[in-house]
Amino acid sequence: MTDEEAREIASAFLADRMDEIRSGEWVITGVQEHGATWSVSYQSRAFVESGRISDALVGNGPAVVPKSGADPWLSWSGRPVEEQIAEGRPTLG
């Protein structure tokens, strides 16, 4: 799986779950490879264009896209995504 394919999968996954994402008022801001997965970061279009913190999405961890074709999932912003990937899913505790 390429980073472009991971972006497409993450975009569809996020659009299915969040009104803000469905509206198109967001952008993918980065893709990072983590062995058997990709993490796909996203942010509001307004923040990317303005740089004003008041325009930023907050509390959003990246979408994790397994290269195996398993379902993508959202990581939690309170812990490093690498730790959550190692565990297989995010935990809040």
PDB file of N, CA and C in Angstrom:
ATOM      1  N   MET A   1       0.851  -1.177   0.000  1.00  0.00           N
ATOM      2  CA  MET A   1       0.000   0.000   0.000  1.00  0.00           C
ATOM      3  C   MET A   1       0.896   1.238   0.000  1.00  0.00           C
ATOM      4  N   THR A   2       0.555   2.196  -0.837  1.00  0.00           N
ATOM      5  CA  THR A   2       1.328   3.436  -0.917  1.00  0.00           C
ATOM      6  C   THR A   2       0.761   4.481   0.040  1.00  0.00           C
ATOM      7  N   ASP A   3       1.517   5.557   0.242  1.00  0.00           N
ATOM      8  CA  ASP A   3       1.008   6.629   1.093  1.00  0.00           C
ATOM      9  C   ASP A   3      -0.219   7.290   0.459  1.00  0.00           C
ATOM     10  N   GLU A   4      -0.272   7.358  -0.858  1.00  0.00           N
ATOM     11  CA  GLU A   4      -1.441   7.933  -1.535  1.00  0.00           C
ATOM     12  C   GLU A   4      -2.681   7.067  -1.305  1.00  0.00           C
ATOM     13  N   GLU A   5      -2.530   5.753  -1.357  1.00  0.00           N
ATOM     14  CA  GLU A   5      -3.651   4.857  -1.066  1.00  0.00           C
ATOM     15  C   GLU A   5      -4.101   5.016   0.385  1.00  0.00           C
ATOM     16  N   ALA A   6      -3.142   5.168   1.303  1.00  0.00           N
ATOM     17  CA  ALA A   6      -3.476   5.379   2.717  1.00  0.00           C
ATOM     18  C   ALA A   6      -4.253   6.682   2.895  1.00  0.00           C
ATOM     19  N   ARG A   7      -3.858   7.726   2.174  1.00  0.00           N
ATOM     20  CA  ARG A   7      -4.589   9.001   2.223  1.00  0.00           C
ATOM     21  C   ARG A   7      -6.040   8.813   1.769  1.00  0.00           C
ATOM     22  N   GLU A   8      -6.241   8.101   0.680  1.00  0.00           N
ATOM     23  CA  GLU A   8      -7.588   7.879   0.156  1.00  0.00           C
ATOM     24  C   GLU A   8      -8.439   7.084   1.138  1.00  0.00           C
ATOM     25  N   ILE A   9      -7.880   6.039   1.721  1.00  0.00           N
ATOM     26  CA  ILE A   9      -8.610   5.220   2.694  1.00  0.00           C
ATOM     27  C   ILE A   9      -8.959   6.053   3.918  1.00  0.00           C
ATOM     28  N   ALA A  10      -7.992   6.822   4.427  1.00  0.00           N
ATOM     29  CA  ALA A  10      -8.237   7.663   5.602  1.00  0.00           C
ATOM     30  C   ALA A  10      -9.290   8.718   5.308  1.00  0.00           C
ATOM     31  N   SER A  11      -9.243   9.317   4.124  1.00  0.00           N
ATOM     32  CA  SER A  11     -10.238  10.334   3.757  1.00  0.00           C
ATOM     33  C   SER A  11     -11.645   9.754   3.776  1.00  0.00           C
ATOM     34  N   ALA A  12     -11.828   8.592   3.191  1.00  0.00           N
ATOM     35  CA  ALA A  12     -13.146   7.950   3.175  1.00  0.00           C
ATOM     36  C   ALA A  12     -13.584   7.570   4.586  1.00  0.00           C
ATOM     37  N   PHE A  13     -12.664   7.029   5.373  1.00  0.00           N
ATOM     38  CA  PHE A  13     -12.947   6.634   6.755  1.00  0.00           C
ATOM     39  C   PHE A  13     -13.386   7.843   7.576  1.00  0.00           C
ATOM     40  N   LEU A  14     -12.660   8.945   7.483  1.00  0.00           N
ATOM     41  CA  LEU A  14     -12.986  10.144   8.240  1.00  0.00           C
ATOM     42  C   LEU A  14     -14.305  10.761   7.772  1.00  0.00           C
ATOM     43  N   ALA A  15     -14.538  10.782   6.477  1.00  0.00           N
ATOM     44  CA  ALA A  15     -15.769  11.366   5.940  1.00  0.00           C
ATOM     45  C   ALA A  15     -16.994  10.607   6.417  1.00  0.00           C
ATOM     46  N   ASP A  16     -16.865   9.316   6.654  1.00  0.00           N
ATOM     47  CA  ASP A  16     -17.988   8.519   7.156  1.00  0.00           C
ATOM     48  C   ASP A  16     -18.322   8.822   8.608  1.00  0.00           C
ATOM     49  N   ARG A  17     -17.418   9.449   9.332  1.00  0.00           N
ATOM     50  CA  ARG A  17     -17.576   9.593  10.771  1.00  0.00           C
ATOM     51  C   ARG A  17     -17.774  11.010  11.287  1.00  0.00           C
ATOM     52  N   MET A  18     -17.418  12.022  10.530  1.00  0.00           N
ATOM     53  CA  MET A  18     -17.416  13.378  11.077  1.00  0.00           C
ATOM     54  C   MET A  18     -18.050  14.373  10.116  1.00  0.00           C
ATOM     55  N   ASP A  19     -19.000  15.164  10.643  1.00  0.00           N
ATOM     56  CA  ASP A  19     -19.652  16.180   9.820  1.00  0.00           C
ATOM     57  C   ASP A  19     -18.657  17.167   9.237  1.00  0.00           C
ATOM     58  N   GLU A  20     -17.689  17.615  10.060  1.00  0.00           N
ATOM     59  CA  GLU A  20     -16.709  18.599   9.595  1.00  0.00           C
ATOM     60  C   GLU A  20     -15.912  18.059   8.412  1.00  0.00           C
ATOM     61  N   ILE A  21     -15.608  16.791   8.468  1.00  0.00           N
ATOM     62  CA  ILE A  21     -14.829  16.171   7.407  1.00  0.00           C
ATOM     63  C   ILE A  21     -15.683  16.052   6.149  1.00  0.00           C
ATOM     64  N   ARG A  22     -16.943  15.657   6.321  1.00  0.00           N
ATOM     65  CA  ARG A  22     -17.838  15.538   5.166  1.00  0.00           C
ATOM     66  C   ARG A  22     -18.007  16.865   4.450  1.00  0.00           C
ATOM     67  N   SER A  23     -17.925  17.966   5.183  1.00  0.00           N
ATOM     68  CA  SER A  23     -18.136  19.290   4.588  1.00  0.00           C
ATOM     69  C   SER A  23     -16.997  19.702   3.664  1.00  0.00           C
ATOM     70  N   GLY A  24     -15.853  19.037   3.762  1.00  0.00           N
ATOM     71  CA  GLY A  24     -14.708  19.413   2.946  1.00  0.00           C
ATOM     72  C   GLY A  24     -13.880  20.528   3.548  1.00  0.00           C
ATOM     73  N   GLU A  25     -14.218  20.921   4.744  1.00  0.00           N
ATOM     74  CA  GLU A  25     -13.494  22.016   5.399  1.00  0.00           C
ATOM     75  C   GLU A  25     -12.302  21.503   6.198  1.00  0.00           C
ATOM     76  N   TRP A  26     -11.609  20.538   5.647  1.00  0.00           N
ATOM     77  CA  TRP A  26     -10.445  19.945   6.289  1.00  0.00           C
ATOM     78  C   TRP A  26      -9.473  19.514   5.200  1.00  0.00           C
ATOM     79  N   VAL A  27      -8.250  19.254   5.604  1.00  0.00           N
ATOM     80  CA  VAL A  27      -7.224  18.770   4.678  1.00  0.00           C
ATOM     81  C   VAL A  27      -6.353  17.738   5.377  1.00  0.00           C
ATOM     82  N   ILE A  28      -5.827  16.827   4.602  1.00  0.00           N
ATOM     83  CA  ILE A  28      -4.823  15.904   5.136  1.00  0.00           C
ATOM     84  C   ILE A  28      -3.509  16.671   5.183  1.00  0.00           C
ATOM     85  N   THR A  29      -2.866  16.629   6.335  1.00  0.00           N
ATOM     86  CA  THR A  29      -1.650  17.425   6.530  1.00  0.00           C
ATOM     87  C   THR A  29      -0.378  16.595   6.557  1.00  0.00           C
ATOM     88  N   GLY A  30      -0.516  15.279   6.591  1.00  0.00           N
ATOM     89  CA  GLY A  30       0.676  14.446   6.580  1.00  0.00           C
ATOM     90  C   GLY A  30       0.360  12.978   6.663  1.00  0.00           C
ATOM     91  N   VAL A  31       1.298  12.187   6.155  1.00  0.00           N
ATOM     92  CA  VAL A  31       1.200  10.733   6.208  1.00  0.00           C
ATOM     93  C   VAL A  31       2.554  10.222   6.665  1.00  0.00           C
ATOM     94  N   GLN A  32       2.530   9.357   7.668  1.00  0.00           N
ATOM     95  CA  GLN A  32       3.780   8.802   8.193  1.00  0.00           C
ATOM     96  C   GLN A  32       3.685   7.283   8.217  1.00  0.00           C
ATOM     97  N   GLU A  33       4.730   6.636   7.759  1.00  0.00           N
ATOM     98  CA  GLU A  33       4.768   5.174   7.744  1.00  0.00           C
ATOM     99  C   GLU A  33       5.272   4.654   9.085  1.00  0.00           C
ATOM    100  N   HIS A  34       4.612   3.620   9.574  1.00  0.00           N
ATOM    101  CA  HIS A  34       4.972   2.975  10.842  1.00  0.00           C
ATOM    102  C   HIS A  34       5.015   1.461  10.624  1.00  0.00           C
ATOM    103  N   GLY A  35       5.941   0.977   9.834  1.00  0.00           N
ATOM    104  CA  GLY A  35       6.024  -0.460   9.574  1.00  0.00           C
ATOM    105  C   GLY A  35       4.817  -0.956   8.820  1.00  0.00           C
ATOM    106  N   ALA A  36       3.910  -1.631   9.509  1.00  0.00           N
ATOM    107  CA  ALA A  36       2.749  -2.261   8.875  1.00  0.00           C
ATOM    108  C   ALA A  36       1.536  -1.342   8.789  1.00  0.00           C
ATOM    109  N   THR A  37       1.700  -0.063   9.156  1.00  0.00           N
ATOM    110  CA  THR A  37       0.582   0.880   9.116  1.00  0.00           C
ATOM    111  C   THR A  37       1.058   2.241   8.611  1.00  0.00           C
ATOM    112  N   TRP A  38       0.077   3.072   8.294  1.00  0.00           N
ATOM    113  CA  TRP A  38       0.295   4.483   8.015  1.00  0.00           C
ATOM    114  C   TRP A  38      -0.513   5.279   9.032  1.00  0.00           C
ATOM    115  N   SER A  39       0.005   6.407   9.500  1.00  0.00           N
ATOM    116  CA  SER A  39      -0.817   7.347  10.261  1.00  0.00           C
ATOM    117  C   SER A  39      -1.039   8.560   9.364  1.00  0.00           C
ATOM    118  N   VAL A  40      -2.295   8.993   9.318  1.00  0.00           N
ATOM    119  CA  VAL A  40      -2.698  10.065   8.419  1.00  0.00           C
ATOM    120  C   VAL A  40      -3.257  11.207   9.262  1.00  0.00           C
ATOM    121  N   SER A  41      -2.539  12.326   9.278  1.00  0.00           N
ATOM    122  CA  SER A  41      -2.941  13.492  10.064  1.00  0.00           C
ATOM    123  C   SER A  41      -3.844  14.395   9.239  1.00  0.00           C
ATOM    124  N   TYR A  42      -4.726  15.098   9.918  1.00  0.00           N
ATOM    125  CA  TYR A  42      -5.657  16.003   9.256  1.00  0.00           C
ATOM    126  C   TYR A  42      -5.874  17.231  10.127  1.00  0.00           C
ATOM    127  N   GLN A  43      -6.339  18.298   9.514  1.00  0.00           N
ATOM    128  CA  GLN A  43      -6.545  19.554  10.223  1.00  0.00           C
ATOM    129  C   GLN A  43      -7.591  20.365   9.460  1.00  0.00           C
ATOM    130  N   SER A  44      -8.159  21.356  10.125  1.00  0.00           N
ATOM    131  CA  SER A  44      -9.143  22.194   9.446  1.00  0.00           C
ATOM    132  C   SER A  44      -8.454  23.016   8.357  1.00  0.00           C
ATOM    133  N   ARG A  45      -9.167  23.186   7.274  1.00  0.00           N
ATOM    134  CA  ARG A  45      -8.647  23.998   6.168  1.00  0.00           C
ATOM    135  C   ARG A  45      -8.391  25.432   6.644  1.00  0.00           C
ATOM    136  N   ALA A  46      -9.287  25.957   7.501  1.00  0.00           N
ATOM    137  CA  ALA A  46      -9.132  27.329   8.007  1.00  0.00           C
ATOM    138  C   ALA A  46      -7.811  27.495   8.751  1.00  0.00           C
ATOM    139  N   PHE A  47      -7.456  26.533   9.597  1.00  0.00           N
ATOM    140  CA  PHE A  47      -6.196  26.627  10.337  1.00  0.00           C
ATOM    141  C   PHE A  47      -4.992  26.551   9.401  1.00  0.00           C
ATOM    142  N   VAL A  48      -5.037  25.635   8.460  1.00  0.00           N
ATOM    143  CA  VAL A  48      -3.922  25.492   7.519  1.00  0.00           C
ATOM    144  C   VAL A  48      -3.712  26.796   6.749  1.00  0.00           C
ATOM    145  N   GLU A  49      -4.808  27.445   6.373  1.00  0.00           N
ATOM    146  CA  GLU A  49      -4.704  28.682   5.603  1.00  0.00           C
ATOM    147  C   GLU A  49      -4.380  29.895   6.453  1.00  0.00           C
ATOM    148  N   SER A  50      -4.901  29.959   7.699  1.00  0.00           N
ATOM    149  CA  SER A  50      -4.724  31.156   8.529  1.00  0.00           C
ATOM    150  C   SER A  50      -3.591  31.056   9.541  1.00  0.00           C
ATOM    151  N   GLY A  51      -3.345  29.828  10.037  1.00  0.00           N
ATOM    152  CA  GLY A  51      -2.362  29.648  11.104  1.00  0.00           C
ATOM    153  C   GLY A  51      -2.873  30.079  12.472  1.00  0.00           C
ATOM    154  N   ARG A  52      -4.128  30.513  12.550  1.00  0.00           N
ATOM    155  CA  ARG A  52      -4.695  30.952  13.836  1.00  0.00           C
ATOM    156  C   ARG A  52      -5.134  29.730  14.638  1.00  0.00           C
ATOM    157  N   ILE A  53      -4.659  29.654  15.860  1.00  0.00           N
ATOM    158  CA  ILE A  53      -4.980  28.517  16.717  1.00  0.00           C
ATOM    159  C   ILE A  53      -6.490  28.394  16.940  1.00  0.00           C
ATOM    160  N   SER A  54      -7.194  29.509  16.913  1.00  0.00           N
ATOM    161  CA  SER A  54      -8.652  29.463  17.104  1.00  0.00           C
ATOM    162  C   SER A  54      -9.360  28.740  15.959  1.00  0.00           C
ATOM    163  N   ASP A  55      -8.687  28.549  14.827  1.00  0.00           N
ATOM    164  CA  ASP A  55      -9.258  27.829  13.689  1.00  0.00           C
ATOM    165  C   ASP A  55      -8.909  26.340  13.686  1.00  0.00           C
ATOM    166  N   ALA A  56      -8.092  25.910  14.645  1.00  0.00           N
ATOM    167  CA  ALA A  56      -7.577  24.535  14.631  1.00  0.00           C
ATOM    168  C   ALA A  56      -8.576  23.530  15.183  1.00  0.00           C
ATOM    169  N   LEU A  57      -8.554  22.310  14.610  1.00  0.00           N
ATOM    170  CA  LEU A  57      -9.209  21.170  15.234  1.00  0.00           C
ATOM    171  C   LEU A  57      -8.324  20.774  16.409  1.00  0.00           C
ATOM    172  N   VAL A  58      -8.907  20.433  17.527  1.00  0.00           N
ATOM    173  CA  VAL A  58      -8.112  20.011  18.674  1.00  0.00           C
ATOM    174  C   VAL A  58      -8.593  18.657  19.159  1.00  0.00           C
ATOM    175  N   GLY A  59      -7.683  17.905  19.740  1.00  0.00           N
ATOM    176  CA  GLY A  59      -8.030  16.598  20.279  1.00  0.00           C
ATOM    177  C   GLY A  59      -8.154  15.515  19.224  1.00  0.00           C
ATOM    178  N   ASN A  60      -7.671  15.800  18.037  1.00  0.00           N
ATOM    179  CA  ASN A  60      -7.792  14.820  16.962  1.00  0.00           C
ATOM    180  C   ASN A  60      -6.464  14.114  16.735  1.00  0.00           C
ATOM    181  N   GLY A  61      -6.439  12.830  17.056  1.00  0.00           N
ATOM    182  CA  GLY A  61      -5.283  12.023  16.715  1.00  0.00           C
ATOM    183  C   GLY A  61      -5.391  11.593  15.267  1.00  0.00           C
ATOM    184  N   PRO A  62      -4.301  11.158  14.671  1.00  0.00           N
ATOM    185  CA  PRO A  62      -4.354  10.742  13.276  1.00  0.00           C
ATOM    186  C   PRO A  62      -5.177   9.471  13.078  1.00  0.00           C
ATOM    187  N   ALA A  63      -5.654   9.299  11.852  1.00  0.00           N
ATOM    188  CA  ALA A  63      -6.273   8.043  11.456  1.00  0.00           C
ATOM    189  C   ALA A  63      -5.147   7.046  11.203  1.00  0.00           C
ATOM    190  N   VAL A  64      -5.347   5.815  11.636  1.00  0.00           N
ATOM    191  CA  VAL A  64      -4.358   4.761  11.437  1.00  0.00           C
ATOM    192  C   VAL A  64      -4.905   3.812  10.371  1.00  0.00           C
ATOM    193  N   VAL A  65      -4.109   3.611   9.323  1.00  0.00           N
ATOM    194  CA  VAL A  65      -4.522   2.773   8.199  1.00  0.00           C
ATOM    195  C   VAL A  65      -3.580   1.576   8.112  1.00  0.00           C
ATOM    196  N   PRO A  66      -4.037   0.383   8.521  1.00  0.00           N
ATOM    197  CA  PRO A  66      -3.197  -0.813   8.410  1.00  0.00           C
ATOM    198  C   PRO A  66      -2.949  -1.177   6.942  1.00  0.00           C
ATOM    199  N   LYS A  67      -1.733  -1.517   6.623  1.00  0.00           N
ATOM    200  CA  LYS A  67      -1.386  -1.926   5.262  1.00  0.00           C
ATOM    201  C   LYS A  67      -2.023  -3.266   4.901  1.00  0.00           C
ATOM    202  N   SER A  68      -2.429  -4.029   5.901  1.00  0.00           N
ATOM    203  CA  SER A  68      -3.027  -5.348   5.675  1.00  0.00           C
ATOM    204  C   SER A  68      -4.406  -5.278   5.041  1.00  0.00           C
ATOM    205  N   GLY A  69      -4.990  -4.081   5.049  1.00  0.00           N
ATOM    206  CA  GLY A  69      -6.361  -3.941   4.577  1.00  0.00           C
ATOM    207  C   GLY A  69      -7.376  -4.010   5.704  1.00  0.00           C
ATOM    208  N   ALA A  70      -6.920  -4.232   6.940  1.00  0.00           N
ATOM    209  CA  ALA A  70      -7.821  -4.211   8.095  1.00  0.00           C
ATOM    210  C   ALA A  70      -8.448  -2.817   8.201  1.00  0.00           C
ATOM    211  N   ASP A  71      -9.543  -2.736   8.944  1.00  0.00           N
ATOM    212  CA  ASP A  71     -10.243  -1.463   9.090  1.00  0.00           C
ATOM    213  C   ASP A  71      -9.362  -0.385   9.693  1.00  0.00           C
ATOM    214  N   PRO A  72      -9.435   0.838   9.169  1.00  0.00           N
ATOM    215  CA  PRO A  72      -8.725   1.961   9.788  1.00  0.00           C
ATOM    216  C   PRO A  72      -9.374   2.303  11.125  1.00  0.00           C
ATOM    217  N   TRP A  73      -8.640   3.037  11.952  1.00  0.00           N
ATOM    218  CA  TRP A  73      -9.168   3.458  13.243  1.00  0.00           C
ATOM    219  C   TRP A  73      -8.545   4.793  13.628  1.00  0.00           C
ATOM    220  N   LEU A  74      -9.213   5.497  14.536  1.00  0.00           N
ATOM    221  CA  LEU A  74      -8.712   6.786  15.005  1.00  0.00           C
ATOM    222  C   LEU A  74      -7.859   6.595  16.247  1.00  0.00           C
ATOM    223  N   SER A  75      -6.695   7.193  16.231  1.00  0.00           N
ATOM    224  CA  SER A  75      -5.866   7.175  17.431  1.00  0.00           C
ATOM    225  C   SER A  75      -6.333   8.282  18.369  1.00  0.00           C
ATOM    226  N   TRP A  76      -5.941   8.180  19.590  1.00  0.00           N
ATOM    227  CA  TRP A  76      -6.281   9.157  20.611  1.00  0.00           C
ATOM    228  C   TRP A  76      -5.163  10.177  20.674  1.00  0.00           C
ATOM    229  N   SER A  77      -5.475  11.444  20.819  1.00  0.00           N
ATOM    230  CA  SER A  77      -4.450  12.491  20.788  1.00  0.00           C
ATOM    231  C   SER A  77      -3.611  12.558  22.053  1.00  0.00           C
ATOM    232  N   GLY A  78      -4.033  11.908  23.127  1.00  0.00           N
ATOM    233  CA  GLY A  78      -3.340  12.013  24.404  1.00  0.00           C
ATOM    234  C   GLY A  78      -2.130  11.108  24.568  1.00  0.00           C
ATOM    235  N   ARG A  79      -1.868  10.249  23.577  1.00  0.00           N
ATOM    236  CA  ARG A  79      -0.723   9.338  23.648  1.00  0.00           C
ATOM    237  C   ARG A  79      -0.056   9.260  22.282  1.00  0.00           C
ATOM    238  N   PRO A  80       1.239   8.990  22.256  1.00  0.00           N
ATOM    239  CA  PRO A  80       1.918   8.866  20.963  1.00  0.00           C
ATOM    240  C   PRO A  80       1.280   7.785  20.095  1.00  0.00           C
ATOM    241  N   VAL A  81       1.096   8.116  18.837  1.00  0.00           N
ATOM    242  CA  VAL A  81       0.454   7.175  17.912  1.00  0.00           C
ATOM    243  C   VAL A  81       1.263   5.886  17.798  1.00  0.00           C
ATOM    244  N   GLU A  82       2.578   5.960  17.906  1.00  0.00           N
ATOM    245  CA  GLU A  82       3.413   4.752  17.816  1.00  0.00           C
ATOM    246  C   GLU A  82       3.063   3.755  18.908  1.00  0.00           C
ATOM    247  N   GLU A  83       2.809   4.240  20.130  1.00  0.00           N
ATOM    248  CA  GLU A  83       2.424   3.349  21.222  1.00  0.00           C
ATOM    249  C   GLU A  83       1.077   2.686  20.936  1.00  0.00           C
ATOM    250  N   GLN A  84       0.144   3.467  20.422  1.00  0.00           N
ATOM    251  CA  GLN A  84      -1.182   2.936  20.134  1.00  0.00           C
ATOM    252  C   GLN A  84      -1.131   1.911  19.006  1.00  0.00           C
ATOM    253  N   ILE A  85      -0.313   2.160  18.003  1.00  0.00           N
ATOM    254  CA  ILE A  85      -0.151   1.208  16.908  1.00  0.00           C
ATOM    255  C   ILE A  85       0.433  -0.099  17.445  1.00  0.00           C
ATOM    256  N   ALA A  86       1.410   0.001  18.331  1.00  0.00           N
ATOM    257  CA  ALA A  86       2.025  -1.193  18.916  1.00  0.00           C
ATOM    258  C   ALA A  86       0.990  -2.031  19.683  1.00  0.00           C
ATOM    259  N   GLU A  87       0.014  -1.362  20.294  1.00  0.00           N
ATOM    260  CA  GLU A  87      -1.051  -2.051  21.042  1.00  0.00           C
ATOM    261  C   GLU A  87      -2.167  -2.547  20.120  1.00  0.00           C
ATOM    262  N   GLY A  88      -2.270  -1.995  18.945  1.00  0.00           N
ATOM    263  CA  GLY A  88      -3.302  -2.405  18.000  1.00  0.00           C
ATOM    264  C   GLY A  88      -4.531  -1.528  17.989  1.00  0.00           C
ATOM    265  N   ARG A  89      -4.817  -0.830  19.031  1.00  0.00           N
ATOM    266  CA  ARG A  89      -5.952   0.104  19.125  1.00  0.00           C
ATOM    267  C   ARG A  89      -5.639   1.109  20.210  1.00  0.00           C
ATOM    268  N   PRO A  90      -6.265   2.274  20.165  1.00  0.00           N
ATOM    269  CA  PRO A  90      -6.016   3.263  21.223  1.00  0.00           C
ATOM    270  C   PRO A  90      -6.651   2.837  22.542  1.00  0.00           C
ATOM    271  N   THR A  91      -6.047   3.290  23.618  1.00  0.00           N
ATOM    272  CA  THR A  91      -6.635   3.086  24.938  1.00  0.00           C
ATOM    273  C   THR A  91      -6.659   4.436  25.649  1.00  0.00           C
ATOM    274  N   LEU A  92      -7.640   4.628  26.477  1.00  0.00           N
ATOM    275  CA  LEU A  92      -7.775   5.903  27.179  1.00  0.00           C
ATOM    276  C   LEU A  92      -7.239   5.835  28.601  1.00  0.00           C
ATOM    277  N   GLY A  93      -6.899   4.660  29.085  1.00  0.00           N
ATOM    278  CA  GLY A  93      -6.497   4.511  30.478  1.00  0.00           C
ATOM    279  C   GLY A  93      -5.037   4.589  30.735  1.00  0.00           C
TER     280      GLY A  93
END
